[in-house]
Structures are given as structure tokens and as C-alpha cells.
C-alpha atoms as a PDB file:
ATOM      1  CA  MET A   1      21.381  86.781 -53.517  1.00  0.00           C
ATOM      2  CA  HIS A   2      18.596  88.474 -55.451  1.00  0.00           C
ATOM      3  CA  PRO A   3      16.260  86.213 -57.463  1.00  0.00           C
ATOM      4  CA  TRP A   4      16.972  88.033 -60.732  1.00  0.00           C
ATOM      5  CA  ILE A   5      20.741  87.418 -60.315  1.00  0.00           C
ATOM      6  CA  LYS A   6      20.116  83.708 -59.785  1.00  0.00           C
ATOM      7  CA  ARG A   7      17.900  83.535 -62.872  1.00  0.00           C
ATOM      8  CA  THR A   8      20.494  85.384 -64.943  1.00  0.00           C
ATOM      9  CA  LEU A   9      23.285  83.059 -63.810  1.00  0.00           C
ATOM     10  CA  TYR A  10      21.165  79.965 -64.483  1.00  0.00           C
ATOM     11  CA  GLY A  11      20.285  81.342 -67.904  1.00  0.00           C
ATOM     12  CA  LEU A  12      23.919  82.011 -68.807  1.00  0.00           C
ATOM     13  CA  PHE A  13      24.958  78.582 -67.536  1.00  0.00           C
ATOM     14  CA  GLY A  14      22.186  76.878 -69.552  1.00  0.00           C
ATOM     15  CA  ALA A  15      23.042  78.859 -72.685  1.00  0.00           C
ATOM     16  CA  SER A  16      26.724  77.913 -72.418  1.00  0.00           C
ATOM     17  CA  ILE A  17      25.815  74.231 -72.075  1.00  0.00           C
ATOM     18  CA  LEU A  18      23.515  74.493 -75.099  1.00  0.00           C
ATOM     19  CA  VAL A  19      26.157  76.203 -77.257  1.00  0.00           C
ATOM     20  CA  GLY A  20      28.804  73.662 -76.206  1.00  0.00           C
ATOM     21  CA  GLY A  21      26.501  70.737 -76.984  1.00  0.00           C
ATOM     22  CA  LEU A  22      25.579  72.093 -80.393  1.00  0.00           C
ATOM     23  CA  SER A  23      29.238  72.714 -81.195  1.00  0.00           C
ATOM     24  CA  GLY A  24      30.070  69.125 -80.313  1.00  0.00           C
ATOM     25  CA  CYS A  25      27.221  67.774 -82.425  1.00  0.00           C
ATOM     26  CA  GLY A  26      28.273  69.920 -85.367  1.00  0.00           C
ATOM     27  CA  HIS A  27      31.769  68.462 -85.250  1.00  0.00           C
ATOM     28  CA  HIS A  28      30.547  64.864 -85.326  1.00  0.00           C
ATOM     29  CA  ARG A  29      28.129  65.478 -88.195  1.00  0.00           C
ATOM     30  CA  HIS A  30      30.991  66.700 -90.359  1.00  0.00           C
ATOM     31  CA  GLU A  31      33.273  63.910 -89.192  1.00  0.00           C
ATOM     32  CA  TYR A  32      30.955  61.194 -90.492  1.00  0.00           C
ATOM     33  CA  GLY A  33      30.445  62.748 -93.909  1.00  0.00           C
ATOM     34  CA  MET A  34      27.287  64.755 -93.417  1.00  0.00           C
ATOM     35  CA  GLY A  35      27.561  68.239 -94.847  1.00  0.00           C
ATOM     36  CA  MET A  36      30.830  67.530 -96.637  1.00  0.00           C
ATOM     37  CA  SER A  37      31.424  68.730-100.180  1.00  0.00           C
ATOM     38  CA  ASP A  38      32.313  66.238-102.896  1.00  0.00           C
ATOM     39  CA  THR A  39      35.938  67.383-102.756  1.00  0.00           C
ATOM     40  CA  GLU A  40      36.116  66.897 -98.983  1.00  0.00           C
ATOM     41  CA  ARG A  41      34.440  63.506 -99.285  1.00  0.00           C
ATOM     42  CA  ALA A  42      36.931  62.397-101.971  1.00  0.00           C
ATOM     43  CA  GLU A  43      39.834  63.609 -99.827  1.00  0.00           C
ATOM     44  CA  PHE A  44      38.471  61.728 -96.797  1.00  0.00           C
ATOM     45  CA  ARG A  45      37.996  58.583 -98.929  1.00  0.00           C
ATOM     46  CA  GLY A  46      41.605  58.801-100.124  1.00  0.00           C
ATOM     47  CA  LYS A  47      42.901  59.160 -96.569  1.00  0.00           C
ATOM     48  CA  MET A  48      40.875  56.172 -95.392  1.00  0.00           C
ATOM     49  CA  VAL A  49      42.053  54.001 -98.296  1.00  0.00           C
ATOM     50  CA  GLU A  50      45.669  54.957 -97.537  1.00  0.00           C
ATOM     51  CA  ARG A  51      45.184  54.278 -93.824  1.00  0.00           C
ATOM     52  CA  VAL A  52      43.698  50.818 -94.372  1.00  0.00           C
ATOM     53  CA  ALA A  53      46.281  50.035 -97.061  1.00  0.00           C
ATOM     54  CA  SER A  54      49.124  50.882 -94.713  1.00  0.00           C
ATOM     55  CA  LYS A  55      47.639  48.880 -91.818  1.00  0.00           C
ATOM     56  CA  LEU A  56      47.164  45.795 -93.990  1.00  0.00           C
ATOM     57  CA  ASP A  57      50.335  46.225 -96.106  1.00  0.00           C
ATOM     58  CA  LEU A  58      48.332  45.979 -99.338  1.00  0.00           C
ATOM     59  CA  ASN A  59      49.925  45.478-102.733  1.00  0.00           C
ATOM     60  CA  ALA A  60      48.857  47.536-105.778  1.00  0.00           C
ATOM     61  CA  ASP A  61      46.111  45.093-106.873  1.00  0.00           C
ATOM     62  CA  GLN A  62      44.655  44.874-103.373  1.00  0.00           C
ATOM     63  CA  LYS A  63      44.767  48.651-103.012  1.00  0.00           C
ATOM     64  CA  GLN A  64      42.929  49.025-106.326  1.00  0.00           C
ATOM     65  CA  ARG A  65      40.242  46.590-105.124  1.00  0.00           C
ATOM     66  CA  LEU A  66      39.945  48.542-101.883  1.00  0.00           C
ATOM     67  CA  GLY A  67      39.430  51.698-103.949  1.00  0.00           C
ATOM     68  CA  VAL A  68      36.634  49.991-105.895  1.00  0.00           C
ATOM     69  CA  LEU A  69      35.044  48.900-102.614  1.00  0.00           C
ATOM     70  CA  ALA A  70      35.245  52.467-101.270  1.00  0.00           C
ATOM     71  CA  ASP A  71      33.591  53.738-104.482  1.00  0.00           C
ATOM     72  CA  LYS A  72      30.780  51.184-104.185  1.00  0.00           C
ATOM     73  CA  LEU A  73      30.220  52.060-100.532  1.00  0.00           C
ATOM     74  CA  GLN A  74      30.007  55.744-101.502  1.00  0.00           C
ATOM     75  CA  GLU A  75      27.533  54.917-104.287  1.00  0.00           C
ATOM     76  CA  GLN A  76      25.425  52.951-101.793  1.00  0.00           C
ATOM     77  CA  ARG A  77      25.460  55.863 -99.365  1.00  0.00           C
ATOM     78  CA  ALA A  78      24.522  58.333-102.105  1.00  0.00           C
ATOM     79  CA  ALA A  79      21.664  56.074-103.226  1.00  0.00           C
ATOM     80  CA  LEU A  80      20.369  55.856 -99.658  1.00  0.00           C
ATOM     81  CA  VAL A  81      20.527  59.597 -99.127  1.00  0.00           C
ATOM     82  CA  GLY A  82      18.916  60.156-102.501  1.00  0.00           C
ATOM     83  CA  LYS A  83      18.199  63.564-103.953  1.00  0.00           C
ATOM     84  CA  THR A  84      17.408  65.068-100.573  1.00  0.00           C
ATOM     85  CA  THR A  85      19.852  67.598 -99.250  1.00  0.00           C
ATOM     86  CA  ASP A  86      18.269  67.542 -95.776  1.00  0.00           C
ATOM     87  CA  PRO A  87      16.984  64.138 -94.589  1.00  0.00           C
ATOM     88  CA  ARG A  88      15.980  65.672 -91.268  1.00  0.00           C
ATOM     89  CA  ALA A  89      13.520  67.957 -93.099  1.00  0.00           C
ATOM     90  CA  GLU A  90      11.872  64.892 -94.669  1.00  0.00           C
ATOM     91  CA  VAL A  91      11.339  63.328 -91.260  1.00  0.00           C
ATOM     92  CA  GLN A  92      10.124  66.602 -89.803  1.00  0.00           C
ATOM     93  CA  ALA A  93       7.598  66.857 -92.646  1.00  0.00           C
ATOM     94  CA  LEU A  94       6.092  63.555 -91.487  1.00  0.00           C
ATOM     95  CA  VAL A  95       5.062  65.092 -88.181  1.00  0.00           C
ATOM     96  CA  ALA A  96       4.402  68.650 -89.394  1.00  0.00           C
ATOM     97  CA  GLY A  97       0.631  68.222 -89.688  1.00  0.00           C
ATOM     98  CA  GLY A  98      -1.982  67.229 -87.182  1.00  0.00           C
ATOM     99  CA  LYS A  99      -1.400  63.538 -87.889  1.00  0.00           C
ATOM    100  CA  PHE A 100       1.608  61.443 -88.784  1.00  0.00           C
ATOM    101  CA  ASP A 101       1.908  61.168 -92.589  1.00  0.00           C
ATOM    102  CA  ARG A 102       1.865  57.365 -92.869  1.00  0.00           C
ATOM    103  CA  SER A 103       1.744  57.232 -96.659  1.00  0.00           C
ATOM    104  CA  ARG A 104       4.799  59.506 -97.027  1.00  0.00           C
ATOM    105  CA  ALA A 105       6.641  57.494 -94.376  1.00  0.00           C
ATOM    106  CA  GLN A 106       5.861  54.286 -96.264  1.00  0.00           C
ATOM    107  CA  SER A 107       7.066  55.816 -99.534  1.00  0.00           C
ATOM    108  CA  LEU A 108      10.324  56.923 -97.836  1.00  0.00           C
ATOM    109  CA  VAL A 109      10.885  53.376 -96.616  1.00  0.00           C
ATOM    110  CA  ALA A 110      10.134  52.032-100.111  1.00  0.00           C
ATOM    111  CA  GLU A 111      12.622  54.485-101.671  1.00  0.00           C
ATOM    112  CA  LYS A 112      15.389  53.526 -99.246  1.00  0.00           C
ATOM    113  CA  THR A 113      14.682  49.805 -99.678  1.00  0.00           C
ATOM    114  CA  ALA A 114      14.816  50.139-103.468  1.00  0.00           C
ATOM    115  CA  ALA A 115      18.133  51.982-103.184  1.00  0.00           C
ATOM    116  CA  LEU A 116      19.551  49.206-101.001  1.00  0.00           C
ATOM    117  CA  ASN A 117      18.296  46.497-103.342  1.00  0.00           C
ATOM    118  CA  SER A 118      19.677  48.154-106.467  1.00  0.00           C
ATOM    119  CA  LYS A 119      23.221  48.812-105.206  1.00  0.00           C
ATOM    120  CA  SER A 120      23.797  45.917-102.786  1.00  0.00           C
ATOM    121  CA  PRO A 121      24.892  43.259-105.316  1.00  0.00           C
ATOM    122  CA  GLU A 122      27.670  45.513-106.658  1.00  0.00           C
ATOM    123  CA  MET A 123      28.794  46.419-103.146  1.00  0.00           C
ATOM    124  CA  ILE A 124      28.814  42.787-102.012  1.00  0.00           C
ATOM    125  CA  ALA A 125      30.801  41.763-105.096  1.00  0.00           C
ATOM    126  CA  ALA A 126      33.375  44.514-104.472  1.00  0.00           C
ATOM    127  CA  MET A 127      33.630  43.530-100.804  1.00  0.00           C
ATOM    128  CA  ALA A 128      34.090  39.859-101.709  1.00  0.00           C
ATOM    129  CA  ASP A 129      36.696  40.660-104.389  1.00  0.00           C
ATOM    130  CA  PHE A 130      38.699  42.743-101.920  1.00  0.00           C
ATOM    131  CA  PHE A 131      38.516  40.254 -99.059  1.00  0.00           C
ATOM    132  CA  ASP A 132      39.293  37.258-101.293  1.00  0.00           C
ATOM    133  CA  SER A 133      42.390  39.050-102.627  1.00  0.00           C
ATOM    134  CA  LEU A 134      43.864  39.341 -99.126  1.00  0.00           C
ATOM    135  CA  THR A 135      46.430  36.923 -97.773  1.00  0.00           C
ATOM    136  CA  PRO A 136      45.430  34.775 -94.782  1.00  0.00           C
ATOM    137  CA  ALA A 137      47.448  37.039 -92.462  1.00  0.00           C
ATOM    138  CA  GLN A 138      45.694  40.137 -93.818  1.00  0.00           C
ATOM    139  CA  GLN A 139      42.312  38.446 -93.472  1.00  0.00           C
ATOM    140  CA  THR A 140      43.131  37.708 -89.843  1.00  0.00           C
ATOM    141  CA  LYS A 141      43.948  41.394 -89.257  1.00  0.00           C
ATOM    142  CA  VAL A 142      40.577  42.365 -90.745  1.00  0.00           C
ATOM    143  CA  ARG A 143      38.734  39.826 -88.571  1.00  0.00           C
ATOM    144  CA  GLU A 144      40.508  41.064 -85.443  1.00  0.00           C
ATOM    145  CA  ALA A 145      39.735  44.686 -86.285  1.00  0.00           C
ATOM    146  CA  LEU A 146      36.070  43.843 -86.795  1.00  0.00           C
ATOM    147  CA  GLN A 147      35.969  42.018 -83.460  1.00  0.00           C
ATOM    148  CA  GLY A 148      37.198  45.158 -81.730  1.00  0.00           C
ATOM    149  CA  ARG A 149      40.546  43.768 -80.564  1.00  0.00           C
ATOM    150  CA  HIS A 150      42.404  46.620 -82.269  1.00  0.00           C
ATOM    151  CA  GLY A 151      41.350  50.217 -82.465  1.00  0.00           C
ATOM    152  CA  TRP A 152      42.719  51.088 -85.908  1.00  0.00           C
ATOM    153  CA  TRP A 153      39.257  51.196 -87.535  1.00  0.00           C
ATOM    154  CA  ARG A 154      38.199  53.877 -85.093  1.00  0.00           C
ATOM    155  CA  ARG A 155      39.343  57.466 -85.191  1.00  0.00           C
ATOM    156  CA  GLY A 156      41.660  58.812 -82.542  1.00  0.00           C
END
């Protein structure tokens, strides 16, 4: 076989692997909430609340508390992400110059820590209110799910 044919075939094979890998990564980014619009995020939140509510057989009060918890978790996530639309660009900016931008990195860490500190008490209170409202049998289901005995927290 001619060397140029081998190089062409290797190039096509490598390009197909690259395109397939990027397609797979793009799917997972969207799946975990990155790049979703507010409407899509609200729809996803509603589906997750319904899924957990059906698995735990929640009553109306418990479902309302779960909704509050989901809202607080979303607020915490939004506070962590901040005003930035592209967190990757912020990290790339740290290494864009000749030296690592230590002061900007430290300020990013300070921003994220402040966001965690400001929203955590509300999130913890919502989590405690929801968990304390569950019956012992429901609490056991949650514990088992967190221990990985059941796969209903995971997708698929």
C-alpha cells in the first residue's frame, strides 16, 4: 500500500474518533445542566422532583419541601457559577500569559468560597426540613439510594 493512502486512512480514522468523542462529551455536558436554558433547567427540575416523589411515595407537604430543596440547590449552583457564562474561559485566562495568574486564581477561589458560605445555611435547612418530614421507611429508601444499593438516583 502506498504511504499516502496509509496516512489518509489514519487521518480519517483519527478524525472520526475525534468527532465521536466530542459528540459524546457534548451530550454529557447538556445532561448535567451545562448549557441549558432556564426553561430547560426548570423542566428538568420538575421531572427530577416528580421522579423522586414517585420513588418515595411523597405526600403533598413532602413534595413541597422537596421542591424548596430543589430551588435551594439551584440557587447554590447559580451562586457557584456566578455571572460567568463560560467557566472554562476563566480557567484558560489563568494560563493565557507567560506565567500562571496566581492572584486571579486566588480571587476565583475566594468568590466561590463566598458563594458557598452565603447559600449553604439555606440549603442545609431545606435539606434538613425535607429529610425530617420523611417517614422512617422513606428515610431508609434515601439511605439505601445514597449507599448505591439501588440505581434510581442514576440516569438510565
